[in-house]
Every structure is written in structure tokens, then in C-alpha cells.
Amino acid sequence: MRKLFFVILFSTSVLNAQLPFFRPFFSTTERELGKLFFYEVINLISEDTSKSRVDINFRIANDLLTFVKNPLNTPTYIANFTVSAEIFDRNGNSIARKVFRGYRGTDNYEETNSKDIYTQGNFRFDLKPGNYRLTLIIEDEQSNQILKRERNITLKQMKPNSFETSDLTIIQEKIENGDTIILIPTNIGNRVNFGKGFTAYIQFTDKPDEVEYTLIYFPEFGRKKELIKEKIDPEKIKNNRQFLFRENPGDTIFTYLLVPSKPQNYYSLFIPVKGDSLDLGEYEISLSVKFIDTLGKEISKTFSKKFTVEWIDMPFSLQNLDYAIDILEYIATPDEMAKLRFGSPQARLIKFKEFWAKKDPTPNTIYNELMAEYYRRVDYAILNFATMRERDGARTDRGKVYIIYGQPTKIERKYIPGKPTEEIWYYEPIRRKFVFVDQYGSFKLTSVETYEP
């Protein structure tokens, strides 16, 4: 049972500290808005060889929207919004515009604030190759609030004999359903979620004769590292499938399809990547490609695409290295704490990772489940056990017990006239109960007892 990990592995100690100002340390994601709204722009090969295809994919969490009571009663809460994508040429003239009208409904109030329930959508434009300006606007109809994003985009000329490639599309799941291949993109703004494998999808205008794939890592400290370099069998690159976007009921799942078709004017390639071996940070996929033109001449080209491995739902207590180390006092020895606190940020980060590597239940993968669970518990304690005297709930007695032992099997409150309120936490698997007494608004641990369930 996961909640028992800490009972066996860790010992405890006490340190008082104020709740810190959390600043991103491990991740480059814009943490709040970055977890609620993502969009990505992907230049693909159009069936119309005189044009270039651009897909604008977006993902909006419920928590970004304003839900109101439904006057029709069912569902209880509703949100309405629009997303518009408009393309301008270099002179500022609007040349294309599309609108997505979104609706969310739920009977569960907690879902209205969810960061994990999304609406997803896609805009496709087929335009002449060139430079453009994209404006993406989300308008919340209940609050009339507007979120606007703008960026420059360049659409390449991609037609037969141009020896070009599309942008890389990051696929989180690839499912074969008969002759059809279902592709579920990550759709988190050219990012890959930490600990997750993925597949890179790429289109070529012409059939390559040779392809070599290289994966490069750019660590926060130190030089770039070449992780993978291998040749790809050109026979895996085919043009017998059409790449389509599929509408999905409720718009909560975003999928592309590769369906059998007559020969297309583009060739498709999949590159599987084991995400469980990729640390947080910046990466680059590089393709060295050799084509043979109609005259038999060899043409060599190199294409590259950068992406970021991010821990999108990283516990916020893990975003500040100083705090992440300080809160280890509950499970680390004084000697370990002294070593963790000493040195430059780079040195302390290395020692911090080494500390958790020793406790990793799956050492062959980069994602440490035990560390993630520990800091998820810290997050919960910060938010749920704060008092007037101690703003950081993780520094209270209840927070400390929760972090070490997890969610109690049962919680009981006793209200006795003339006496402070008691809160008793029962942990049946270890047959222990923790008694907290309300002393001036702070529940202090007064006893730890064994009991028979």
C-alpha cells in the first residue's frame, strides 16, 4: 500500500519555518496559467501542394473558466466560452479567422475548479508559404474576461521535390485500431510530461533514402549530452495513410487519425522515445536525412526540433529547492540535512537528487514515485492544516503526521463540554492512533497509542 511507504523508510524530527515564496526551480512552465492553458502551432504538409498547412491546437482547463448556476438546473454548473484564431499577413491584414464555441457542464462543484479536466480543440489553415502573425483569443462569456496570445509563424514551402519536413508532433499515445492508427497528442505546448514516454510524428515531402535520428539533452548545468543516435529503416516511412483531425464528443480527448488512403504527397515517420529515461529540461530531436532527386543526385539535409520535458503537475512544494530540502527534516538524519543545506544551488540540487535516488522504488526510471508522493503530501498539508499561528500547514503536528503516514484510515472528533476539542487519527494497517488537542486554534499532538482495529 502506497500510504505505508513512509512508515517503513523514514524517521522524524521537528523544524519550524515560515511558508516560503515558491519560485519555479526545476520547471520552466509558467506555473499557474501554464497549467490551465496550452496551445501549440504545428506546420504540416498540405494536400494542396501550393499551400502549407498549419494546425493550432489548444487545451483549456476548467479552472480557467467561470462556471455559473444553470437556470435550467441540469447540469448544475455551466461555462460558455469562445476561442478564436486569426491570421494576419506581414502588412497586418486579416486573411483567415476561425472560431471555436466551447461549453462545459457538470453537476460536481469540484470539477468547476479542476486543473485536470480540459476542453481541447483544433484550428486548421491551409495558406500560401510565408510569414504571418497569429492572434489567439479566449473569451469567457460569463465574466467577459479575455486572454490573448500572439506570435509570429513561418509556413514553409512543402511540396514534392522540395526535400522538406513538417514540424514534429508529440504523440502521447499511439493506438492501432485495425488499419487505422489513432494518435493522441500531448497537446501541452511542445512539452512532454515528465516520466511519460511519447512518439514523435514527422512528415516528409519526399521519400528519404537514409535517416539518422539523434536525441540531445541540454542540462541546466553542464554541457549538452547526446543520448541517442541511431539509423531508421527508410521502409518504415510510408505515404499510404492520410493524416486527419478527428472531432470528439465533449472535446475532452484530442485525436489525429492516420487512415489508409491512396498515395499521399507526404511520407509519415514515427520515432518512439522512452520518456521514463528523460530528466527535466530542454531536448532536441535532430534528423540527418539523405534524399535522391530525380537525376540521381544525393541531397543531404538536417532538421531539428526542440522540446521540453516538464513536470506539468509538479507539487508546488518541490518548486523551491530551499523549501524542498528543509521539509526533508521529517525523514532525513541531521547529518544528511547538514550536507543537503551546504553548497551552491548546483551542488545542493545534485545532493538532493542523490538523496532521493537512494530511496527510489523504481531506480531504472527517472521518475521517482516516492519523491512525488512525499511532496504531494507536503502540498496537501500546506493547504489543509494551516492555522492562525502557523501559516505553513506542513509545519504543524497534523501536517507532519500526514506527510509521514499519509491519509488516516479514519478521523474522529470529540467535543467535550469545558474541554478542548480532540481529533483522533486512526491508521488501521499499523494499529496506531494519533491524538491531537485543539490548543488556541492549533491542534497539538498529545499522544500516540496502539489499538486493536
Protein backbone atom coordinates (compact mmCIF):
# COMPACT_ATOMS: atom_id res chain seq x y z
CA MET A 1 0.00 0.00 0.00
CA ARG A 2 1.42 3.35 -1.05
CA LYS A 3 0.47 5.16 2.14
CA LEU A 4 2.77 2.81 4.11
CA PHE A 5 5.96 3.69 2.19
CA PHE A 6 6.96 6.31 4.71
CA VAL A 7 6.15 4.29 7.80
CA ILE A 8 8.98 1.89 6.99
CA LEU A 9 11.51 4.19 5.37
CA PHE A 10 11.56 7.37 7.38
CA SER A 11 12.26 8.75 10.83
CA THR A 12 11.14 12.18 12.11
CA SER A 13 12.42 15.44 13.53
CA VAL A 14 10.97 18.93 14.01
CA LEU A 15 11.89 22.30 12.50
CA ASN A 16 9.77 25.47 12.43
CA ALA A 17 9.85 27.66 9.33
CA GLN A 18 7.65 30.15 7.59
CA LEU A 19 5.85 29.31 4.37
CA PRO A 20 8.23 30.34 1.60
CA PHE A 21 7.60 32.26 -1.56
CA PHE A 22 7.51 29.49 -4.14
CA ARG A 23 9.57 30.24 -7.24
CA PRO A 24 10.00 27.78 -10.14
CA PHE A 25 13.29 25.91 -9.87
CA PHE A 26 13.01 22.67 -11.76
CA SER A 27 10.50 23.68 -14.43
CA THR A 28 10.23 26.47 -16.98
CA THR A 29 6.45 26.23 -17.17
CA GLU A 30 4.51 29.41 -16.33
CA ARG A 31 3.13 27.53 -13.37
CA GLU A 32 -0.38 28.83 -12.86
CA LEU A 33 -1.56 29.85 -16.32
CA GLY A 34 0.79 27.27 -17.79
CA LYS A 35 -1.19 24.51 -16.10
CA LEU A 36 -4.54 25.90 -17.28
CA PHE A 37 -3.99 26.86 -20.91
CA PHE A 38 -1.72 25.40 -23.57
CA TYR A 39 -1.50 25.93 -27.28
CA GLU A 40 0.89 24.81 -29.98
CA VAL A 41 1.42 25.66 -33.63
CA ILE A 42 2.41 22.83 -35.99
CA ASN A 43 3.41 23.32 -39.62
CA LEU A 44 2.33 20.25 -41.61
CA ILE A 45 2.23 19.28 -45.27
CA SER A 46 -0.97 20.28 -47.08
CA GLU A 47 -2.71 18.10 -49.64
CA ASP A 48 -2.74 21.27 -51.77
CA THR A 49 0.89 21.43 -52.89
CA SER A 50 0.69 25.19 -53.49
CA LYS A 51 -0.07 25.76 -49.81
CA SER A 52 1.29 24.95 -46.36
CA ARG A 53 -0.84 23.53 -43.56
CA VAL A 54 -0.78 24.94 -40.03
CA ASP A 55 -2.61 23.32 -37.11
CA ILE A 56 -3.25 25.38 -33.98
CA ASN A 57 -4.13 23.06 -31.12
CA PHE A 58 -5.30 24.28 -27.73
CA ARG A 59 -6.18 22.89 -24.32
CA ILE A 60 -8.12 24.81 -21.62
CA ALA A 61 -8.64 23.58 -18.05
CA ASN A 62 -11.96 24.05 -16.26
CA ASP A 63 -10.24 26.17 -13.62
CA LEU A 64 -9.61 28.91 -16.18
CA LEU A 65 -13.35 29.21 -16.92
CA THR A 66 -16.15 30.88 -14.98
CA PHE A 67 -18.95 28.47 -14.09
CA VAL A 68 -22.41 29.68 -13.09
CA LYS A 69 -25.56 28.01 -11.83
CA ASN A 70 -27.60 26.67 -14.71
CA PRO A 71 -31.10 28.26 -14.78
CA LEU A 72 -32.33 25.04 -16.40
CA ASN A 73 -30.98 23.07 -13.39
CA THR A 74 -29.29 20.26 -15.34
CA PRO A 75 -26.34 20.15 -15.38
CA THR A 76 -25.96 22.21 -12.21
CA TYR A 77 -22.98 24.33 -13.35
CA ILE A 78 -22.20 25.57 -16.85
CA ALA A 79 -19.48 27.59 -18.58
CA ASN A 80 -19.55 29.08 -22.07
CA PHE A 81 -16.56 30.47 -23.91
CA THR A 82 -15.14 31.08 -27.36
CA VAL A 83 -11.67 30.58 -28.79
CA SER A 84 -10.76 32.43 -31.95
CA ALA A 85 -7.68 32.11 -34.13
CA GLU A 86 -6.92 34.86 -36.63
CA ILE A 87 -4.06 35.00 -39.13
CA PHE A 88 -2.59 38.30 -40.34
CA ASP A 89 -0.17 38.87 -43.20
CA ARG A 90 3.01 40.96 -42.89
CA ASN A 91 1.01 44.11 -43.66
CA GLY A 92 -1.40 43.48 -40.78
CA ASN A 93 -4.29 42.39 -43.00
CA SER A 94 -6.54 39.60 -41.69
CA ILE A 95 -6.50 36.73 -44.17
CA ALA A 96 -8.17 33.93 -42.19
CA ARG A 97 -10.19 33.52 -38.99
CA LYS A 98 -11.91 30.63 -37.25
CA VAL A 99 -13.95 30.41 -34.04
CA PHE A 100 -14.45 27.53 -31.61
CA ARG A 101 -17.52 27.78 -29.35
CA GLY A 102 -16.97 25.91 -26.13
CA TYR A 103 -19.33 24.64 -23.46
CA ARG A 104 -18.69 22.77 -20.22
CA GLY A 105 -21.30 21.38 -17.86
CA THR A 106 -21.06 19.44 -14.61
CA ASP A 107 -23.06 18.55 -11.51
CA ASN A 108 -19.88 18.35 -9.43
CA TYR A 109 -18.75 21.70 -7.99
CA GLU A 110 -15.17 20.46 -7.51
CA GLU A 111 -14.90 19.82 -11.24
CA THR A 112 -15.53 23.52 -11.94
CA ASN A 113 -12.14 24.26 -10.33
CA SER A 114 -10.32 21.28 -11.83
CA LYS A 115 -6.92 21.75 -13.42
CA ASP A 116 -7.11 18.21 -14.84
CA ILE A 117 -10.35 18.38 -16.86
CA TYR A 118 -9.77 20.07 -20.19
CA THR A 119 -11.53 21.24 -23.30
CA GLN A 120 -9.37 20.65 -26.37
CA GLY A 121 -9.71 21.86 -29.92
CA ASN A 122 -8.03 22.38 -33.27
CA PHE A 123 -7.89 25.06 -35.94
CA ARG A 124 -6.56 24.13 -39.36
CA PHE A 125 -5.50 26.64 -42.01
CA ASP A 126 -4.04 25.96 -45.45
CA LEU A 127 -2.17 29.08 -46.55
CA LYS A 128 0.48 30.14 -49.00
CA PRO A 129 4.02 29.68 -47.64
CA GLY A 130 5.31 32.80 -45.91
CA ASN A 131 5.46 34.80 -42.68
CA TYR A 132 2.34 35.53 -40.67
CA ARG A 133 1.11 36.80 -37.30
CA LEU A 134 -1.22 34.61 -35.23
CA THR A 135 -3.64 36.06 -32.68
CA LEU A 136 -5.37 33.57 -30.37
CA ILE A 137 -8.13 34.87 -28.08
CA ILE A 138 -10.12 33.09 -25.36
CA GLU A 139 -13.25 34.94 -24.24
CA ASP A 140 -15.12 33.80 -21.13
CA GLU A 141 -18.79 34.60 -21.74
CA GLN A 142 -19.77 34.57 -18.06
CA SER A 143 -17.09 37.01 -16.86
CA ASN A 144 -16.33 38.77 -20.18
CA GLN A 145 -12.64 38.27 -19.42
CA ILE A 146 -10.29 37.89 -22.37
CA LEU A 147 -7.00 36.04 -22.63
CA LYS A 148 -4.91 36.94 -25.68
CA ARG A 149 -1.82 35.32 -27.14
CA GLU A 150 0.15 36.44 -30.20
CA ARG A 151 3.13 35.06 -32.07
CA ASN A 152 4.84 35.14 -35.44
CA ILE A 153 4.67 32.00 -37.55
CA THR A 154 6.55 30.93 -40.66
CA LEU A 155 4.97 28.42 -43.01
CA LYS A 156 7.44 26.50 -45.16
CA GLN A 157 7.05 25.63 -48.82
CA MET A 158 6.48 21.89 -48.66
CA LYS A 159 5.77 20.22 -51.98
CA PRO A 160 7.28 17.24 -53.80
CA ASN A 161 10.96 17.68 -54.67
CA SER A 162 11.42 20.39 -52.01
CA PHE A 163 13.01 17.82 -49.65
CA GLU A 164 11.42 19.31 -46.52
CA THR A 165 9.91 18.01 -43.29
CA SER A 166 6.93 19.08 -41.25
CA ASP A 167 7.19 20.22 -37.65
CA LEU A 168 7.43 17.48 -35.07
CA THR A 169 4.13 16.47 -33.43
CA ILE A 170 4.48 14.93 -29.97
CA ILE A 171 2.14 11.96 -29.54
CA GLN A 172 1.47 10.66 -26.02
CA GLU A 173 -0.39 7.54 -27.16
CA LYS A 174 -0.44 5.61 -30.43
CA ILE A 175 -3.23 3.05 -30.84
CA GLU A 176 -3.68 0.70 -33.77
CA ASN A 177 -7.35 0.01 -34.49
CA GLY A 178 -7.46 -2.30 -37.47
CA ASP A 179 -5.93 -0.43 -40.41
CA THR A 180 -6.43 2.94 -38.69
CA ILE A 181 -3.85 4.46 -36.34
CA ILE A 182 -5.26 6.68 -33.59
CA LEU A 183 -2.86 9.34 -32.34
CA ILE A 184 -3.43 11.25 -29.08
CA PRO A 185 -1.10 14.26 -28.92
CA THR A 186 0.20 15.58 -25.61
CA ASN A 187 -1.20 18.99 -26.63
CA ILE A 188 0.70 20.82 -23.89
CA GLY A 189 2.54 23.39 -25.93
CA ASN A 190 5.53 21.49 -27.34
CA ARG A 191 6.17 19.87 -23.98
CA VAL A 192 6.42 16.28 -22.82
CA ASN A 193 5.14 15.35 -19.38
CA PHE A 194 7.85 14.08 -17.03
CA GLY A 195 8.09 10.32 -16.72
CA LYS A 196 5.93 9.63 -19.77
CA GLY A 197 7.04 8.02 -22.99
CA PHE A 198 6.00 9.53 -26.30
CA THR A 199 6.19 9.16 -30.06
CA ALA A 200 7.46 11.86 -32.42
CA TYR A 201 5.44 12.09 -35.66
CA ILE A 202 7.09 13.75 -38.70
CA GLN A 203 6.12 14.18 -42.36
CA PHE A 204 8.49 14.30 -45.35
CA THR A 205 7.74 15.80 -48.75
CA ASP A 206 9.86 13.09 -50.40
CA LYS A 207 10.87 9.53 -49.58
CA PRO A 208 14.24 9.64 -47.76
CA ASP A 209 16.99 7.27 -48.76
CA GLU A 210 18.68 7.46 -45.32
CA VAL A 211 17.57 8.86 -41.96
CA GLU A 212 19.63 9.15 -38.79
CA TYR A 213 17.95 10.26 -35.59
CA THR A 214 19.76 11.98 -32.69
CA LEU A 215 18.34 12.94 -29.28
CA ILE A 216 20.26 15.67 -27.44
CA TYR A 217 19.81 16.85 -23.83
CA PHE A 218 20.64 20.37 -22.65
CA PRO A 219 21.04 20.13 -18.85
CA GLU A 220 20.59 23.18 -16.64
CA PHE A 221 24.21 22.79 -15.56
CA GLY A 222 26.97 21.48 -17.80
CA ARG A 223 27.33 20.69 -21.48
CA LYS A 224 24.78 19.18 -23.81
CA LYS A 225 24.65 15.39 -23.96
CA GLU A 226 23.97 13.12 -26.92
CA LEU A 227 21.62 10.45 -25.56
CA ILE A 228 20.60 8.51 -28.66
CA LYS A 229 21.97 8.22 -32.18
CA GLU A 230 20.58 5.58 -34.49
CA LYS A 231 19.61 4.95 -38.09
CA ILE A 232 15.98 4.49 -39.11
CA ASP A 233 14.87 1.97 -41.69
CA PRO A 234 13.55 4.03 -44.67
CA GLU A 235 10.99 1.30 -45.35
CA LYS A 236 9.16 2.44 -42.21
CA ILE A 237 8.49 5.78 -43.90
CA LYS A 238 5.31 5.42 -45.97
CA ASN A 239 2.82 7.59 -47.85
CA ASN A 240 -0.18 5.25 -47.84
CA ARG A 241 -2.07 6.97 -44.99
CA GLN A 242 -3.86 10.29 -44.67
CA PHE A 243 -3.32 12.44 -41.57
CA LEU A 244 -6.66 13.74 -40.25
CA PHE A 245 -8.01 15.53 -37.17
CA ARG A 246 -10.98 13.80 -35.53
CA GLU A 247 -13.70 15.69 -33.69
CA ASN A 248 -14.53 14.14 -30.32
CA PRO A 249 -17.76 14.38 -28.29
CA GLY A 250 -17.27 16.78 -25.38
CA ASP A 251 -13.89 17.88 -26.76
CA THR A 252 -12.07 16.35 -23.80
CA ILE A 253 -9.98 13.98 -25.92
CA PHE A 254 -7.90 15.28 -28.79
CA THR A 255 -7.00 12.84 -31.56
CA TYR A 256 -5.50 12.64 -35.00
CA LEU A 257 -6.06 9.70 -37.31
CA LEU A 258 -3.87 8.05 -39.91
CA VAL A 259 -6.28 6.27 -42.22
CA PRO A 260 -5.47 4.03 -45.21
CA SER A 261 -5.64 6.00 -48.44
CA LYS A 262 -4.29 6.33 -51.93
CA PRO A 263 -0.65 7.56 -52.02
CA GLN A 264 -0.36 10.99 -50.41
CA ASN A 265 2.04 13.81 -51.23
CA TYR A 266 3.78 13.29 -47.87
CA TYR A 267 5.51 10.40 -46.10
CA SER A 268 4.92 9.63 -42.41
CA LEU A 269 7.51 8.58 -39.83
CA PHE A 270 7.11 7.60 -36.17
CA ILE A 271 10.01 7.78 -33.70
CA PRO A 272 9.25 6.16 -30.32
CA VAL A 273 11.04 7.74 -27.32
CA LYS A 274 11.25 6.18 -23.85
CA GLY A 275 10.20 9.06 -21.63
CA ASP A 276 10.93 7.26 -18.37
CA SER A 277 14.64 7.85 -19.01
CA LEU A 278 14.37 11.61 -19.75
CA ASP A 279 15.16 14.08 -16.98
CA LEU A 280 13.53 17.50 -16.73
CA GLY A 281 14.91 20.08 -19.13
CA GLU A 282 15.40 21.03 -22.76
CA TYR A 283 15.89 18.48 -25.55
CA GLU A 284 16.36 18.43 -29.28
CA ILE A 285 15.48 15.81 -31.85
CA SER A 286 17.75 16.10 -34.87
CA LEU A 287 17.29 14.28 -38.18
CA SER A 288 20.08 13.86 -40.71
CA VAL A 289 18.36 12.94 -43.96
CA LYS A 290 19.63 11.95 -47.39
CA PHE A 291 17.36 12.17 -50.42
CA ILE A 292 17.98 11.11 -54.02
CA ASP A 293 16.48 13.51 -56.55
CA THR A 294 15.06 12.61 -59.95
CA LEU A 295 18.53 12.98 -61.54
CA GLY A 296 20.08 10.59 -59.03
CA LYS A 297 21.84 13.37 -57.15
CA GLU A 298 22.24 12.93 -53.38
CA ILE A 299 20.77 15.77 -51.27
CA SER A 300 21.65 15.93 -47.56
CA LYS A 301 19.61 17.95 -45.08
CA THR A 302 19.42 18.30 -41.31
CA PHE A 303 16.22 19.09 -39.46
CA SER A 304 15.90 19.73 -35.74
CA LYS A 305 13.13 20.40 -33.24
CA LYS A 306 13.44 21.38 -29.60
CA PHE A 307 11.02 20.33 -26.90
CA THR A 308 10.87 20.48 -23.12
CA VAL A 309 10.31 17.72 -20.59
CA GLU A 310 8.20 19.32 -17.86
CA TRP A 311 6.56 18.05 -14.73
CA ILE A 312 3.25 19.72 -15.52
CA ASP A 313 1.57 18.69 -12.26
CA MET A 314 4.72 19.01 -10.15
CA PRO A 315 3.94 19.53 -6.43
CA PHE A 316 4.43 23.22 -5.70
CA SER A 317 6.47 22.40 -2.58
CA LEU A 318 9.06 20.91 -4.93
CA GLN A 319 9.45 24.09 -6.97
CA ASN A 320 11.70 25.79 -4.43
CA LEU A 321 14.92 23.92 -3.70
CA ASP A 322 15.46 25.52 -0.28
CA TYR A 323 12.00 24.56 0.92
CA ALA A 324 12.13 21.11 -0.70
CA ILE A 325 15.30 20.43 1.29
CA ASP A 326 14.08 21.96 4.57
CA ILE A 327 10.93 19.84 4.64
CA LEU A 328 13.10 16.70 4.47
CA GLU A 329 13.83 17.14 8.17
CA TYR A 330 10.92 14.79 8.84
CA ILE A 331 12.66 11.90 7.08
CA ALA A 332 16.39 12.74 6.93
CA THR A 333 19.06 12.47 9.62
CA PRO A 334 20.78 15.63 10.98
CA ASP A 335 23.95 14.68 9.10
CA GLU A 336 22.02 14.31 5.85
CA MET A 337 20.32 17.66 6.40
CA ALA A 338 23.63 19.42 7.03
CA LYS A 339 25.05 18.05 3.77
CA LEU A 340 21.92 18.94 1.78
CA ARG A 341 21.96 22.53 3.01
CA PHE A 342 25.61 23.16 2.24
CA GLY A 343 26.97 24.32 -1.12
CA SER A 344 25.96 26.19 -4.26
CA PRO A 345 22.49 25.72 -5.80
CA GLN A 346 24.01 23.31 -8.32
CA ALA A 347 25.76 21.27 -5.61
CA ARG A 348 22.65 21.17 -3.41
CA LEU A 349 20.49 20.10 -6.35
CA ILE A 350 22.86 17.23 -7.11
CA LYS A 351 22.87 16.10 -3.46
CA PHE A 352 19.08 16.45 -3.32
CA LYS A 353 18.71 14.15 -6.34
CA GLU A 354 21.19 11.69 -4.84
CA PHE A 355 19.22 11.63 -1.57
CA TRP A 356 16.04 10.64 -3.37
CA ALA A 357 17.80 8.26 -5.77
CA LYS A 358 18.72 6.08 -2.79
CA LYS A 359 15.03 5.73 -1.93
CA ASP A 360 13.68 5.33 -5.46
CA PRO A 361 11.44 2.21 -5.68
CA THR A 362 11.99 2.12 -9.48
CA PRO A 363 15.67 3.04 -9.92
CA ASN A 364 15.68 2.12 -13.62
CA THR A 365 13.36 5.05 -14.42
CA ILE A 366 13.95 8.77 -13.97
CA TYR A 367 10.56 9.38 -12.32
CA ASN A 368 10.73 8.79 -8.57
CA GLU A 369 7.28 7.77 -7.33
CA LEU A 370 8.27 8.00 -3.68
CA MET A 371 9.56 11.56 -4.00
CA ALA A 372 6.44 12.61 -5.92
CA GLU A 373 4.18 11.12 -3.25
CA TYR A 374 6.14 12.78 -0.45
CA TYR A 375 5.78 16.26 -1.93
CA ARG A 376 2.15 15.69 -2.87
CA ARG A 377 1.58 15.03 0.84
CA VAL A 378 3.53 18.19 1.68
CA ASP A 379 1.29 20.18 -0.68
CA TYR A 380 -1.82 18.75 0.94
CA ALA A 381 -0.54 19.53 4.42
CA ILE A 382 0.36 23.12 3.49
CA LEU A 383 -3.15 23.80 2.23
CA ASN A 384 -5.23 21.83 4.75
CA PHE A 385 -3.52 22.12 8.13
CA ALA A 386 -2.55 25.80 8.28
CA THR A 387 -3.58 27.66 11.44
CA MET A 388 -3.62 31.28 12.58
CA ARG A 389 -0.33 30.65 14.38
CA GLU A 390 1.35 28.63 11.64
CA ARG A 391 0.58 29.56 8.04
CA ASP A 392 2.50 26.57 6.71
CA GLY A 393 0.30 23.56 7.38
CA ALA A 394 3.23 21.24 6.66
CA ARG A 395 4.93 22.60 9.82
CA THR A 396 2.05 21.69 12.13
CA ASP A 397 1.75 18.44 14.08
CA ARG A 398 -1.08 17.21 11.88
CA GLY A 399 0.89 18.16 8.76
CA LYS A 400 3.93 16.26 9.97
CA VAL A 401 1.94 13.10 10.72
CA TYR A 402 0.13 13.34 7.39
CA ILE A 403 3.40 13.71 5.46
CA ILE A 404 4.96 10.67 7.16
CA TYR A 405 1.96 8.34 7.34
CA GLY A 406 -0.41 9.60 4.65
CA GLN A 407 -4.19 9.74 4.77
CA PRO A 408 -5.63 8.27 8.01
CA THR A 409 -7.95 5.29 7.79
CA LYS A 410 -10.43 7.18 9.95
CA ILE A 411 -10.67 10.60 11.63
CA GLU A 412 -12.76 11.12 14.75
CA ARG A 413 -13.54 14.38 16.55
CA LYS A 414 -14.58 14.58 20.19
CA TYR A 415 -16.40 17.60 21.56
CA ILE A 416 -16.48 17.53 25.36
CA PRO A 417 -18.09 20.49 27.19
CA GLY A 418 -15.49 22.51 29.06
CA LYS A 419 -12.54 20.75 27.39
CA PRO A 420 -10.56 21.38 24.20
CA THR A 421 -11.69 19.57 21.06
CA GLU A 422 -9.83 16.33 20.33
CA GLU A 423 -9.10 15.00 16.84
CA ILE A 424 -8.04 11.36 16.62
CA TRP A 425 -6.41 9.87 13.53
CA TYR A 426 -6.55 6.08 13.14
CA TYR A 427 -4.15 4.10 10.97
CA GLU A 428 -5.51 0.56 10.88
CA PRO A 429 -2.64 -1.13 8.93
CA ILE A 430 -0.12 -0.16 11.65
CA ARG A 431 -2.67 -0.15 14.52
CA ARG A 432 -1.73 3.28 15.75
CA LYS A 433 -3.78 6.34 16.61
CA PHE A 434 -2.62 9.93 16.96
CA VAL A 435 -4.48 12.23 19.34
CA PHE A 436 -4.43 15.97 18.61
CA VAL A 437 -5.86 18.55 21.03
CA ASP A 438 -7.04 21.97 19.91
CA GLN A 439 -4.90 24.45 21.83
CA TYR A 440 -5.74 28.03 20.85
CA GLY A 441 -6.56 27.11 17.28
CA SER A 442 -3.62 24.76 16.78
CA PHE A 443 -4.10 21.02 17.02
CA LYS A 444 -1.13 19.75 19.03
CA LEU A 445 -0.12 16.09 19.08
CA THR A 446 -0.56 14.90 22.68
CA SER A 447 -0.28 11.13 22.41
CA VAL A 448 0.45 8.23 20.08
CA GLU A 449 -1.19 4.96 21.03
CA THR A 450 -1.56 1.44 19.70
CA TYR A 451 -5.05 -0.01 19.35
CA GLU A 452 -6.90 -3.04 18.06
CA PRO A 453 -8.99 -2.27 14.93
